[in-house]
Amino acid sequence: MHNKANWDNYLYFLRVARLGSLSAASKSLQVNHSTVLRRINSLEEKLEARLFERLNSGYVLTQSGKEILSRVDHIEGEFLAIERTISGRDIRYEGKIKLSTTDTLGEYWLPPYVKKFKELQPGIQLDIDIRTDYTDLTKREADIALVAVNRHPEYVVGKSLAPIRLKLYATREYIQTHGKPTSHEQLAEHRILILNERLGRIGFNEWLKNLVPKSAIALSCNMLTTLYHYTHQGLGIAPLPTYVGDQDKDLVAVLDVPEKFHHKIWMLTHPDLRNTMRIKAFMQFMYNETAVKGKSASR
């Protein structure tokens, strides 16, 4: 144990220890499987200790691995805090912003704003990460998160940009064939498309799932963009944000989703980064464009 182990190797160790597999760790770190394996092997060689048992079910910590984890777990937070502090002092209108957002926001709502922002700030590169899972801003998984939630962690700062209104949509062809429901109760007589459990218990989805019998649910999936494409094919009636459904001339809004299930678009960042010039520039731009010009997700 006389050779020094690179801190990056400990970062890979932490991800594998927490997630339990090389594939999950590689996805989290956005590197390939072999890179994670090489880093783990290198750390074990440097420490002259076996840190994981390689099982068919995944990677399980050995006793040595558990001892290492107990010592380095808190260090990651310190290193990331240092990175955020240094990044927060950046005064240039250039560099990269890693932006995390959802599939529908990233594909249907955000692009016009990105186009205009790049015209104003060509020196700032946007790295857009489309995801359906939680983005941990404390671990620098993103600099800014655009999320469709009504609640967010207390440690982040940000602003609400626009409302997300939801309606139930179907194609004109589907309505011609199956009729148009005039009440929520009549949805039981139709083919319904919903989100599956991978997105969690989303309010509007749970409402719709409980409203109709199981026999009425024709399809479920884990992304709203996928739900949209199947709706566009005429498979049934699905809940969609109006900024998605209203843009498609082949879709018709058949019924409203109750307002209590509507969401807001929030723009969030870590407090250590809010004074970074490129972060501040993007957040101020988005706030001005949505609030002052009245461009909202309800359009």
C-alpha atoms as a PDB file:
ATOM      1  CA  MET A   1       0.000   0.000   0.000  1.00  0.00           C
ATOM      2  CA  HIS A   2       2.941   2.331  -0.622  1.00  0.00           C
ATOM      3  CA  ASN A   3       1.750   3.639  -3.967  1.00  0.00           C
ATOM      4  CA  LYS A   4      -0.667   6.554  -3.961  1.00  0.00           C
ATOM      5  CA  ALA A   5      -4.075   5.883  -5.439  1.00  0.00           C
ATOM      6  CA  ASN A   6      -5.595   8.505  -7.741  1.00  0.00           C
ATOM      7  CA  TRP A   7      -8.677  10.211  -6.240  1.00  0.00           C
ATOM      8  CA  ASP A   8     -10.545   9.522  -9.475  1.00  0.00           C
ATOM      9  CA  ASN A   9     -10.173   5.813  -8.737  1.00  0.00           C
ATOM     10  CA  TYR A  10     -11.936   6.360  -5.420  1.00  0.00           C
ATOM     11  CA  LEU A  11     -14.745   8.127  -7.250  1.00  0.00           C
ATOM     12  CA  TYR A  12     -15.207   5.040  -9.436  1.00  0.00           C
ATOM     13  CA  PHE A  13     -15.025   2.870  -6.324  1.00  0.00           C
ATOM     14  CA  LEU A  14     -17.778   4.926  -4.654  1.00  0.00           C
ATOM     15  CA  ARG A  15     -20.109   4.643  -7.641  1.00  0.00           C
ATOM     16  CA  VAL A  16     -19.684   0.877  -7.907  1.00  0.00           C
ATOM     17  CA  ALA A  17     -20.101   0.494  -4.139  1.00  0.00           C
ATOM     18  CA  ARG A  18     -23.327   2.534  -4.165  1.00  0.00           C
ATOM     19  CA  LEU A  19     -24.857   1.193  -7.377  1.00  0.00           C
ATOM     20  CA  GLY A  20     -23.683  -2.409  -7.109  1.00  0.00           C
ATOM     21  CA  SER A  21     -22.566  -3.002 -10.688  1.00  0.00           C
ATOM     22  CA  LEU A  22     -20.075  -1.831 -13.307  1.00  0.00           C
ATOM     23  CA  SER A  23     -22.818  -1.114 -15.831  1.00  0.00           C
ATOM     24  CA  ALA A  24     -24.777   1.142 -13.452  1.00  0.00           C
ATOM     25  CA  ALA A  25     -21.594   2.946 -12.426  1.00  0.00           C
ATOM     26  CA  SER A  26     -20.483   3.448 -16.036  1.00  0.00           C
ATOM     27  CA  LYS A  27     -23.873   4.920 -16.912  1.00  0.00           C
ATOM     28  CA  SER A  28     -23.757   7.262 -13.905  1.00  0.00           C
ATOM     29  CA  LEU A  29     -20.213   8.409 -14.728  1.00  0.00           C
ATOM     30  CA  GLN A  30     -20.892   8.505 -18.487  1.00  0.00           C
ATOM     31  CA  VAL A  31     -17.928   6.310 -19.340  1.00  0.00           C
ATOM     32  CA  ASN A  32     -17.710   2.825 -20.812  1.00  0.00           C
ATOM     33  CA  HIS A  33     -17.802  -0.411 -18.852  1.00  0.00           C
ATOM     34  CA  SER A  34     -14.112  -1.195 -19.389  1.00  0.00           C
ATOM     35  CA  THR A  35     -13.015   2.155 -17.943  1.00  0.00           C
ATOM     36  CA  VAL A  36     -14.784   1.437 -14.662  1.00  0.00           C
ATOM     37  CA  LEU A  37     -13.314  -2.056 -14.517  1.00  0.00           C
ATOM     38  CA  ARG A  38      -9.817  -0.727 -15.200  1.00  0.00           C
ATOM     39  CA  ARG A  39     -10.149   1.907 -12.455  1.00  0.00           C
ATOM     40  CA  ILE A  40     -11.368  -0.632  -9.884  1.00  0.00           C
ATOM     41  CA  ASN A  41      -8.580  -3.054 -10.762  1.00  0.00           C
ATOM     42  CA  SER A  42      -6.029  -0.242 -10.534  1.00  0.00           C
ATOM     43  CA  LEU A  43      -7.266   0.821  -7.090  1.00  0.00           C
ATOM     44  CA  GLU A  44      -7.178  -2.747  -5.784  1.00  0.00           C
ATOM     45  CA  GLU A  45      -3.647  -3.133  -7.133  1.00  0.00           C
ATOM     46  CA  LYS A  46      -2.484   0.117  -5.512  1.00  0.00           C
ATOM     47  CA  LEU A  47      -4.053  -0.790  -2.177  1.00  0.00           C
ATOM     48  CA  GLU A  48      -3.024  -4.442  -2.459  1.00  0.00           C
ATOM     49  CA  ALA A  49      -6.495  -5.449  -1.334  1.00  0.00           C
ATOM     50  CA  ARG A  50      -9.609  -6.980  -2.897  1.00  0.00           C
ATOM     51  CA  LEU A  51     -12.423  -4.457  -2.490  1.00  0.00           C
ATOM     52  CA  PHE A  52     -15.294  -6.281  -4.226  1.00  0.00           C
ATOM     53  CA  GLU A  53     -16.579  -9.791  -4.607  1.00  0.00           C
ATOM     54  CA  ARG A  54     -17.485 -10.277  -8.275  1.00  0.00           C
ATOM     55  CA  LEU A  55     -20.813 -12.108  -8.180  1.00  0.00           C
ATOM     56  CA  ASN A  56     -23.323 -12.853 -10.927  1.00  0.00           C
ATOM     57  CA  SER A  57     -25.756 -10.560  -9.122  1.00  0.00           C
ATOM     58  CA  GLY A  58     -23.276  -7.664  -9.042  1.00  0.00           C
ATOM     59  CA  TYR A  59     -20.345  -6.249  -7.116  1.00  0.00           C
ATOM     60  CA  VAL A  60     -20.464  -6.712  -3.336  1.00  0.00           C
ATOM     61  CA  LEU A  61     -18.045  -5.017  -0.944  1.00  0.00           C
ATOM     62  CA  THR A  62     -15.524  -7.139   0.907  1.00  0.00           C
ATOM     63  CA  GLN A  63     -14.570  -6.266   4.471  1.00  0.00           C
ATOM     64  CA  SER A  64     -11.643  -4.223   3.114  1.00  0.00           C
ATOM     65  CA  GLY A  65     -14.033  -2.507   0.735  1.00  0.00           C
ATOM     66  CA  LYS A  66     -16.392  -1.633   3.571  1.00  0.00           C
ATOM     67  CA  GLU A  67     -13.515  -0.110   5.547  1.00  0.00           C
ATOM     68  CA  ILE A  68     -12.448   1.991   2.557  1.00  0.00           C
ATOM     69  CA  LEU A  69     -16.040   3.105   1.953  1.00  0.00           C
ATOM     70  CA  SER A  70     -16.463   4.269   5.555  1.00  0.00           C
ATOM     71  CA  ARG A  71     -13.360   6.459   5.209  1.00  0.00           C
ATOM     72  CA  VAL A  72     -13.823   7.990   1.760  1.00  0.00           C
ATOM     73  CA  ASP A  73     -17.615   8.353   1.558  1.00  0.00           C
ATOM     74  CA  HIS A  74     -17.607  11.857   3.061  1.00  0.00           C
ATOM     75  CA  ILE A  75     -14.502  12.949   1.114  1.00  0.00           C
ATOM     76  CA  GLU A  76     -16.427  12.976  -2.171  1.00  0.00           C
ATOM     77  CA  GLY A  77     -18.679  15.724  -0.861  1.00  0.00           C
ATOM     78  CA  GLU A  78     -15.648  17.818   0.111  1.00  0.00           C
ATOM     79  CA  PHE A  79     -14.007  17.469  -3.299  1.00  0.00           C
ATOM     80  CA  LEU A  80     -17.236  18.316  -5.108  1.00  0.00           C
ATOM     81  CA  ALA A  81     -17.742  21.349  -2.842  1.00  0.00           C
ATOM     82  CA  ILE A  82     -14.274  22.583  -3.798  1.00  0.00           C
ATOM     83  CA  GLU A  83     -15.067  22.122  -7.499  1.00  0.00           C
ATOM     84  CA  ARG A  84     -18.338  24.045  -7.144  1.00  0.00           C
ATOM     85  CA  THR A  85     -16.620  26.875  -5.245  1.00  0.00           C
ATOM     86  CA  ILE A  86     -13.903  27.252  -7.894  1.00  0.00           C
ATOM     87  CA  SER A  87     -16.446  27.040 -10.718  1.00  0.00           C
ATOM     88  CA  GLY A  88     -18.555  29.673  -8.971  1.00  0.00           C
ATOM     89  CA  ARG A  89     -15.704  32.178  -9.274  1.00  0.00           C
ATOM     90  CA  ASP A  90     -15.587  31.895 -13.055  1.00  0.00           C
ATOM     91  CA  ILE A  91     -16.273  35.338 -14.568  1.00  0.00           C
ATOM     92  CA  ARG A  92     -16.192  34.438 -18.269  1.00  0.00           C
ATOM     93  CA  TYR A  93     -19.124  34.278 -20.674  1.00  0.00           C
ATOM     94  CA  GLU A  94     -17.693  31.096 -22.139  1.00  0.00           C
ATOM     95  CA  GLY A  95     -17.222  27.471 -21.252  1.00  0.00           C
ATOM     96  CA  LYS A  96     -19.667  24.602 -20.901  1.00  0.00           C
ATOM     97  CA  ILE A  97     -23.001  24.402 -19.099  1.00  0.00           C
ATOM     98  CA  LYS A  98     -24.276  20.914 -18.413  1.00  0.00           C
ATOM     99  CA  LEU A  99     -28.042  21.155 -18.537  1.00  0.00           C
ATOM    100  CA  SER A 100     -30.265  18.312 -17.364  1.00  0.00           C
ATOM    101  CA  THR A 101     -33.919  18.172 -18.368  1.00  0.00           C
ATOM    102  CA  THR A 102     -36.782  15.844 -19.254  1.00  0.00           C
ATOM    103  CA  ASP A 103     -37.532  14.290 -22.617  1.00  0.00           C
ATOM    104  CA  THR A 104     -40.532  16.479 -23.490  1.00  0.00           C
ATOM    105  CA  LEU A 105     -38.970  19.717 -22.248  1.00  0.00           C
ATOM    106  CA  GLY A 106     -35.727  18.966 -24.051  1.00  0.00           C
ATOM    107  CA  GLU A 107     -37.368  18.014 -27.336  1.00  0.00           C
ATOM    108  CA  TYR A 108     -40.474  20.215 -27.559  1.00  0.00           C
ATOM    109  CA  TRP A 109     -40.214  23.205 -25.201  1.00  0.00           C
ATOM    110  CA  LEU A 110     -36.545  24.132 -24.842  1.00  0.00           C
ATOM    111  CA  PRO A 111     -35.110  24.223 -28.427  1.00  0.00           C
ATOM    112  CA  PRO A 112     -36.355  27.738 -29.420  1.00  0.00           C
ATOM    113  CA  TYR A 113     -34.843  29.168 -26.240  1.00  0.00           C
ATOM    114  CA  VAL A 114     -31.533  27.409 -26.840  1.00  0.00           C
ATOM    115  CA  LYS A 115     -31.402  28.756 -30.395  1.00  0.00           C
ATOM    116  CA  LYS A 116     -31.846  32.347 -29.233  1.00  0.00           C
ATOM    117  CA  PHE A 117     -29.444  31.975 -26.304  1.00  0.00           C
ATOM    118  CA  LYS A 118     -26.704  30.641 -28.601  1.00  0.00           C
ATOM    119  CA  GLU A 119     -27.181  33.632 -30.871  1.00  0.00           C
ATOM    120  CA  LEU A 120     -26.568  35.918 -27.877  1.00  0.00           C
ATOM    121  CA  GLN A 121     -23.831  33.839 -26.226  1.00  0.00           C
ATOM    122  CA  PRO A 122     -21.917  31.867 -28.881  1.00  0.00           C
ATOM    123  CA  GLY A 123     -19.001  31.260 -26.491  1.00  0.00           C
ATOM    124  CA  ILE A 124     -21.116  29.173 -24.103  1.00  0.00           C
ATOM    125  CA  GLN A 125     -21.489  25.507 -24.986  1.00  0.00           C
ATOM    126  CA  LEU A 126     -24.615  23.705 -23.809  1.00  0.00           C
ATOM    127  CA  ASP A 127     -24.337  19.998 -22.987  1.00  0.00           C
ATOM    128  CA  ILE A 128     -27.946  18.819 -22.708  1.00  0.00           C
ATOM    129  CA  ASP A 129     -28.629  15.612 -20.797  1.00  0.00           C
ATOM    130  CA  ILE A 130     -32.105  14.135 -21.323  1.00  0.00           C
ATOM    131  CA  ARG A 131     -33.110  11.942 -18.399  1.00  0.00           C
ATOM    132  CA  THR A 132     -36.130  10.672 -16.519  1.00  0.00           C
ATOM    133  CA  ASP A 133     -34.400  10.045 -13.205  1.00  0.00           C
ATOM    134  CA  TYR A 134     -33.361  12.433 -10.445  1.00  0.00           C
ATOM    135  CA  THR A 135     -30.439  14.821 -11.094  1.00  0.00           C
ATOM    136  CA  ASP A 136     -28.151  15.317  -8.085  1.00  0.00           C
ATOM    137  CA  LEU A 137     -26.766  18.851  -8.349  1.00  0.00           C
ATOM    138  CA  THR A 138     -24.525  18.341  -5.307  1.00  0.00           C
ATOM    139  CA  LYS A 139     -22.600  15.669  -7.217  1.00  0.00           C
ATOM    140  CA  ARG A 140     -22.194  17.887 -10.312  1.00  0.00           C
ATOM    141  CA  GLU A 141     -24.409  15.609 -12.397  1.00  0.00           C
ATOM    142  CA  ALA A 142     -25.529  18.888 -13.954  1.00  0.00           C
ATOM    143  CA  ASP A 143     -24.908  22.622 -13.549  1.00  0.00           C
ATOM    144  CA  ILE A 144     -28.555  23.491 -14.188  1.00  0.00           C
ATOM    145  CA  ALA A 145     -31.644  21.308 -14.083  1.00  0.00           C
ATOM    146  CA  LEU A 146     -34.890  22.148 -15.872  1.00  0.00           C
ATOM    147  CA  VAL A 147     -37.452  19.958 -14.184  1.00  0.00           C
ATOM    148  CA  ALA A 148     -41.202  19.444 -14.240  1.00  0.00           C
ATOM    149  CA  VAL A 149     -41.881  19.242 -10.519  1.00  0.00           C
ATOM    150  CA  ASN A 150     -43.739  21.182  -7.872  1.00  0.00           C
ATOM    151  CA  ARG A 151     -41.273  20.236  -5.105  1.00  0.00           C
ATOM    152  CA  HIS A 152     -37.497  20.258  -5.093  1.00  0.00           C
ATOM    153  CA  PRO A 153     -34.689  19.801  -2.533  1.00  0.00           C
ATOM    154  CA  GLU A 154     -34.005  22.629  -0.104  1.00  0.00           C
ATOM    155  CA  TYR A 155     -30.295  22.785  -0.979  1.00  0.00           C
ATOM    156  CA  VAL A 156     -30.908  24.077  -4.535  1.00  0.00           C
ATOM    157  CA  VAL A 157     -31.803  27.569  -5.724  1.00  0.00           C
ATOM    158  CA  GLY A 158     -33.851  28.544  -8.732  1.00  0.00           C
ATOM    159  CA  LYS A 159     -37.045  29.942 -10.179  1.00  0.00           C
ATOM    160  CA  SER A 160     -40.323  28.781 -11.609  1.00  0.00           C
ATOM    161  CA  LEU A 161     -40.397  29.534 -15.340  1.00  0.00           C
ATOM    162  CA  ALA A 162     -43.765  28.446 -16.672  1.00  0.00           C
ATOM    163  CA  PRO A 163     -46.796  26.272 -15.995  1.00  0.00           C
ATOM    164  CA  ILE A 164     -47.226  22.843 -17.529  1.00  0.00           C
ATOM    165  CA  ARG A 165     -50.835  22.235 -18.437  1.00  0.00           C
ATOM    166  CA  LEU A 166     -52.012  18.753 -19.278  1.00  0.00           C
ATOM    167  CA  LYS A 167     -54.817  17.480 -21.477  1.00  0.00           C
ATOM    168  CA  LEU A 168     -55.960  14.131 -22.815  1.00  0.00           C
ATOM    169  CA  TYR A 169     -55.243  13.749 -26.530  1.00  0.00           C
ATOM    170  CA  ALA A 170     -56.217  11.385 -29.332  1.00  0.00           C
ATOM    171  CA  THR A 171     -55.852  11.449 -33.105  1.00  0.00           C
ATOM    172  CA  ARG A 172     -58.683  12.627 -35.331  1.00  0.00           C
ATOM    173  CA  GLU A 173     -58.770   9.157 -36.864  1.00  0.00           C
ATOM    174  CA  TYR A 174     -59.163   7.528 -33.442  1.00  0.00           C
ATOM    175  CA  ILE A 175     -62.064   9.867 -32.605  1.00  0.00           C
ATOM    176  CA  GLN A 176     -63.758   9.151 -35.931  1.00  0.00           C
ATOM    177  CA  THR A 177     -63.525   5.414 -35.242  1.00  0.00           C
ATOM    178  CA  HIS A 178     -64.186   5.267 -31.486  1.00  0.00           C
ATOM    179  CA  GLY A 179     -65.960   8.538 -30.741  1.00  0.00           C
ATOM    180  CA  LYS A 180     -64.947  11.427 -28.515  1.00  0.00           C
ATOM    181  CA  PRO A 181     -65.517  11.088 -24.756  1.00  0.00           C
ATOM    182  CA  THR A 182     -67.377  14.030 -23.246  1.00  0.00           C
ATOM    183  CA  SER A 183     -66.697  13.182 -19.600  1.00  0.00           C
ATOM    184  CA  HIS A 184     -63.958  11.502 -17.587  1.00  0.00           C
ATOM    185  CA  GLU A 185     -66.329   8.652 -16.784  1.00  0.00           C
ATOM    186  CA  GLN A 186     -66.616   7.780 -20.477  1.00  0.00           C
ATOM    187  CA  LEU A 187     -62.857   7.121 -20.660  1.00  0.00           C
ATOM    188  CA  ALA A 188     -63.567   3.615 -19.345  1.00  0.00           C
ATOM    189  CA  GLU A 189     -65.008   2.826 -22.777  1.00  0.00           C
ATOM    190  CA  HIS A 190     -61.811   3.814 -24.601  1.00  0.00           C
ATOM    191  CA  ARG A 191     -58.219   2.648 -25.054  1.00  0.00           C
ATOM    192  CA  ILE A 192     -56.019   4.505 -22.578  1.00  0.00           C
ATOM    193  CA  LEU A 193     -52.238   5.017 -22.745  1.00  0.00           C
ATOM    194  CA  ILE A 194     -50.372   5.800 -19.509  1.00  0.00           C
ATOM    195  CA  LEU A 195     -46.891   6.000 -17.989  1.00  0.00           C
ATOM    196  CA  ASN A 196     -45.513   2.960 -16.203  1.00  0.00           C
ATOM    197  CA  GLU A 197     -44.035   2.595 -12.726  1.00  0.00           C
ATOM    198  CA  ARG A 198     -40.476   3.551 -13.738  1.00  0.00           C
ATOM    199  CA  LEU A 199     -41.426   7.228 -13.560  1.00  0.00           C
ATOM    200  CA  GLY A 200     -42.833   6.872 -10.067  1.00  0.00           C
ATOM    201  CA  ARG A 201     -46.255   7.796  -8.800  1.00  0.00           C
ATOM    202  CA  ILE A 202     -46.951  10.906 -10.872  1.00  0.00           C
ATOM    203  CA  GLY A 203     -50.190  12.562  -9.844  1.00  0.00           C
ATOM    204  CA  PHE A 204     -51.964  12.836 -13.187  1.00  0.00           C
ATOM    205  CA  ASN A 205     -50.914   9.318 -14.165  1.00  0.00           C
ATOM    206  CA  GLU A 206     -52.213   7.808 -10.925  1.00  0.00           C
ATOM    207  CA  TRP A 207     -55.469   9.711 -11.342  1.00  0.00           C
ATOM    208  CA  LEU A 208     -55.994   8.334 -14.835  1.00  0.00           C
ATOM    209  CA  LYS A 209     -54.931   4.802 -13.918  1.00  0.00           C
ATOM    210  CA  ASN A 210     -57.433   4.731 -11.049  1.00  0.00           C
ATOM    211  CA  LEU A 211     -60.161   6.304 -13.150  1.00  0.00           C
ATOM    212  CA  VAL A 212     -60.445   3.504 -15.713  1.00  0.00           C
ATOM    213  CA  PRO A 213     -60.566  -0.296 -15.405  1.00  0.00           C
ATOM    214  CA  LYS A 214     -57.363  -2.221 -16.065  1.00  0.00           C
ATOM    215  CA  SER A 215     -58.903  -3.610 -19.223  1.00  0.00           C
ATOM    216  CA  ALA A 216     -59.019  -0.099 -20.692  1.00  0.00           C
ATOM    217  CA  ILE A 217     -55.240   0.411 -20.423  1.00  0.00           C
ATOM    218  CA  ALA A 218     -53.867  -0.526 -23.823  1.00  0.00           C
ATOM    219  CA  LEU A 219     -50.236   0.456 -23.285  1.00  0.00           C
ATOM    220  CA  SER A 220     -47.811   1.890 -20.749  1.00  0.00           C
ATOM    221  CA  CYS A 221     -44.258   3.203 -21.149  1.00  0.00           C
ATOM    222  CA  ASN A 222     -41.622   5.111 -19.208  1.00  0.00           C
ATOM    223  CA  MET A 223     -41.332   8.334 -21.252  1.00  0.00           C
ATOM    224  CA  LEU A 224     -43.839  10.995 -22.252  1.00  0.00           C
ATOM    225  CA  THR A 225     -42.236  11.363 -25.686  1.00  0.00           C
ATOM    226  CA  THR A 226     -42.816   7.651 -26.290  1.00  0.00           C
ATOM    227  CA  LEU A 227     -46.395   8.038 -25.083  1.00  0.00           C
ATOM    228  CA  TYR A 228     -46.833  10.877 -27.560  1.00  0.00           C
ATOM    229  CA  HIS A 229     -45.573   8.806 -30.510  1.00  0.00           C
ATOM    230  CA  TYR A 230     -47.961   5.945 -29.733  1.00  0.00           C
ATOM    231  CA  THR A 231     -50.806   8.423 -29.356  1.00  0.00           C
ATOM    232  CA  HIS A 232     -49.868   9.888 -32.730  1.00  0.00           C
ATOM    233  CA  GLN A 233     -50.213   6.393 -34.208  1.00  0.00           C
ATOM    234  CA  GLY A 234     -53.833   6.289 -33.078  1.00  0.00           C
ATOM    235  CA  LEU A 235     -53.450   3.657 -30.365  1.00  0.00           C
ATOM    236  CA  GLY A 236     -55.632   5.506 -27.878  1.00  0.00           C
ATOM    237  CA  ILE A 237     -56.065   8.473 -25.544  1.00  0.00           C
ATOM    238  CA  ALA A 238     -53.115   9.732 -23.503  1.00  0.00           C
ATOM    239  CA  PRO A 239     -52.236  12.579 -21.119  1.00  0.00           C
ATOM    240  CA  LEU A 240     -49.723  15.003 -22.647  1.00  0.00           C
ATOM    241  CA  PRO A 241     -48.420  18.491 -21.909  1.00  0.00           C
ATOM    242  CA  THR A 242     -50.133  21.060 -24.094  1.00  0.00           C
ATOM    243  CA  TYR A 243     -46.761  22.204 -25.471  1.00  0.00           C
ATOM    244  CA  VAL A 244     -46.509  18.718 -27.011  1.00  0.00           C
ATOM    245  CA  GLY A 245     -50.094  17.917 -27.963  1.00  0.00           C
ATOM    246  CA  ASP A 246     -51.109  21.327 -29.303  1.00  0.00           C
ATOM    247  CA  GLN A 247     -48.191  21.357 -31.767  1.00  0.00           C
ATOM    248  CA  ASP A 248     -49.475  18.250 -33.549  1.00  0.00           C
ATOM    249  CA  LYS A 249     -52.214  19.048 -36.045  1.00  0.00           C
ATOM    250  CA  ASP A 250     -53.291  15.383 -36.088  1.00  0.00           C
ATOM    251  CA  LEU A 251     -54.095  15.361 -32.363  1.00  0.00           C
ATOM    252  CA  VAL A 252     -57.228  16.650 -30.678  1.00  0.00           C
ATOM    253  CA  ALA A 253     -57.542  17.598 -27.017  1.00  0.00           C
ATOM    254  CA  VAL A 254     -60.537  15.557 -25.900  1.00  0.00           C
ATOM    255  CA  LEU A 255     -60.642  16.394 -22.173  1.00  0.00           C
ATOM    256  CA  ASP A 256     -58.761  18.431 -19.596  1.00  0.00           C
ATOM    257  CA  VAL A 257     -56.672  16.877 -16.847  1.00  0.00           C
ATOM    258  CA  PRO A 258     -57.753  18.345 -13.465  1.00  0.00           C
ATOM    259  CA  GLU A 259     -55.721  21.455 -12.655  1.00  0.00           C
ATOM    260  CA  LYS A 260     -54.489  20.056  -9.329  1.00  0.00           C
ATOM    261  CA  PHE A 261     -52.314  17.650 -11.336  1.00  0.00           C
ATOM    262  CA  HIS A 262     -50.624  20.351 -13.392  1.00  0.00           C
ATOM    263  CA  HIS A 263     -46.939  21.074 -12.800  1.00  0.00           C
ATOM    264  CA  LYS A 264     -44.468  23.931 -13.172  1.00  0.00           C
ATOM    265  CA  ILE A 265     -41.152  24.117 -14.968  1.00  0.00           C
ATOM    266  CA  TRP A 266     -38.420  24.910 -12.463  1.00  0.00           C
ATOM    267  CA  MET A 267     -34.878  26.020 -13.306  1.00  0.00           C
ATOM    268  CA  LEU A 268     -32.507  24.917 -10.528  1.00  0.00           C
ATOM    269  CA  THR A 269     -28.808  25.111  -9.731  1.00  0.00           C
ATOM    270  CA  HIS A 270     -26.514  24.649  -6.749  1.00  0.00           C
ATOM    271  CA  PRO A 271     -25.938  27.811  -4.645  1.00  0.00           C
ATOM    272  CA  ASP A 272     -22.172  27.551  -5.218  1.00  0.00           C
ATOM    273  CA  LEU A 273     -22.682  27.995  -8.990  1.00  0.00           C
ATOM    274  CA  ARG A 274     -25.313  30.727  -9.188  1.00  0.00           C
ATOM    275  CA  ASN A 275     -22.730  33.536  -9.525  1.00  0.00           C
ATOM    276  CA  THR A 276     -20.758  31.816 -12.276  1.00  0.00           C
ATOM    277  CA  MET A 277     -21.177  34.172 -15.209  1.00  0.00           C
ATOM    278  CA  ARG A 278     -22.229  31.582 -17.793  1.00  0.00           C
ATOM    279  CA  ILE A 279     -24.709  29.988 -15.356  1.00  0.00           C
ATOM    280  CA  LYS A 280     -26.069  33.384 -14.359  1.00  0.00           C
ATOM    281  CA  ALA A 281     -26.335  34.441 -18.010  1.00  0.00           C
ATOM    282  CA  PHE A 282     -28.366  31.392 -19.001  1.00  0.00           C
ATOM    283  CA  MET A 283     -30.671  31.501 -15.995  1.00  0.00           C
ATOM    284  CA  GLN A 284     -31.360  35.216 -16.401  1.00  0.00           C
ATOM    285  CA  PHE A 285     -31.999  34.730 -20.121  1.00  0.00           C
ATOM    286  CA  MET A 286     -34.496  31.933 -19.494  1.00  0.00           C
ATOM    287  CA  TYR A 287     -36.269  33.883 -16.789  1.00  0.00           C
ATOM    288  CA  ASN A 288     -36.584  36.976 -18.999  1.00  0.00           C
ATOM    289  CA  GLU A 289     -37.765  35.025 -22.034  1.00  0.00           C
ATOM    290  CA  THR A 290     -40.461  33.102 -20.178  1.00  0.00           C
ATOM    291  CA  ALA A 291     -41.623  35.739 -17.686  1.00  0.00           C
ATOM    292  CA  VAL A 292     -41.289  39.010 -19.603  1.00  0.00           C
ATOM    293  CA  LYS A 293     -42.275  37.836 -23.083  1.00  0.00           C
ATOM    294  CA  GLY A 294     -44.984  35.569 -21.758  1.00  0.00           C
ATOM    295  CA  LYS A 295     -43.772  32.438 -23.527  1.00  0.00           C
ATOM    296  CA  SER A 296     -45.007  29.582 -21.430  1.00  0.00           C
ATOM    297  CA  ALA A 297     -45.571  25.889 -21.584  1.00  0.00           C
ATOM    298  CA  SER A 298     -49.290  26.505 -22.004  1.00  0.00           C
ATOM    299  CA  ARG A 299     -48.854  27.770 -25.533  1.00  0.00           C
END
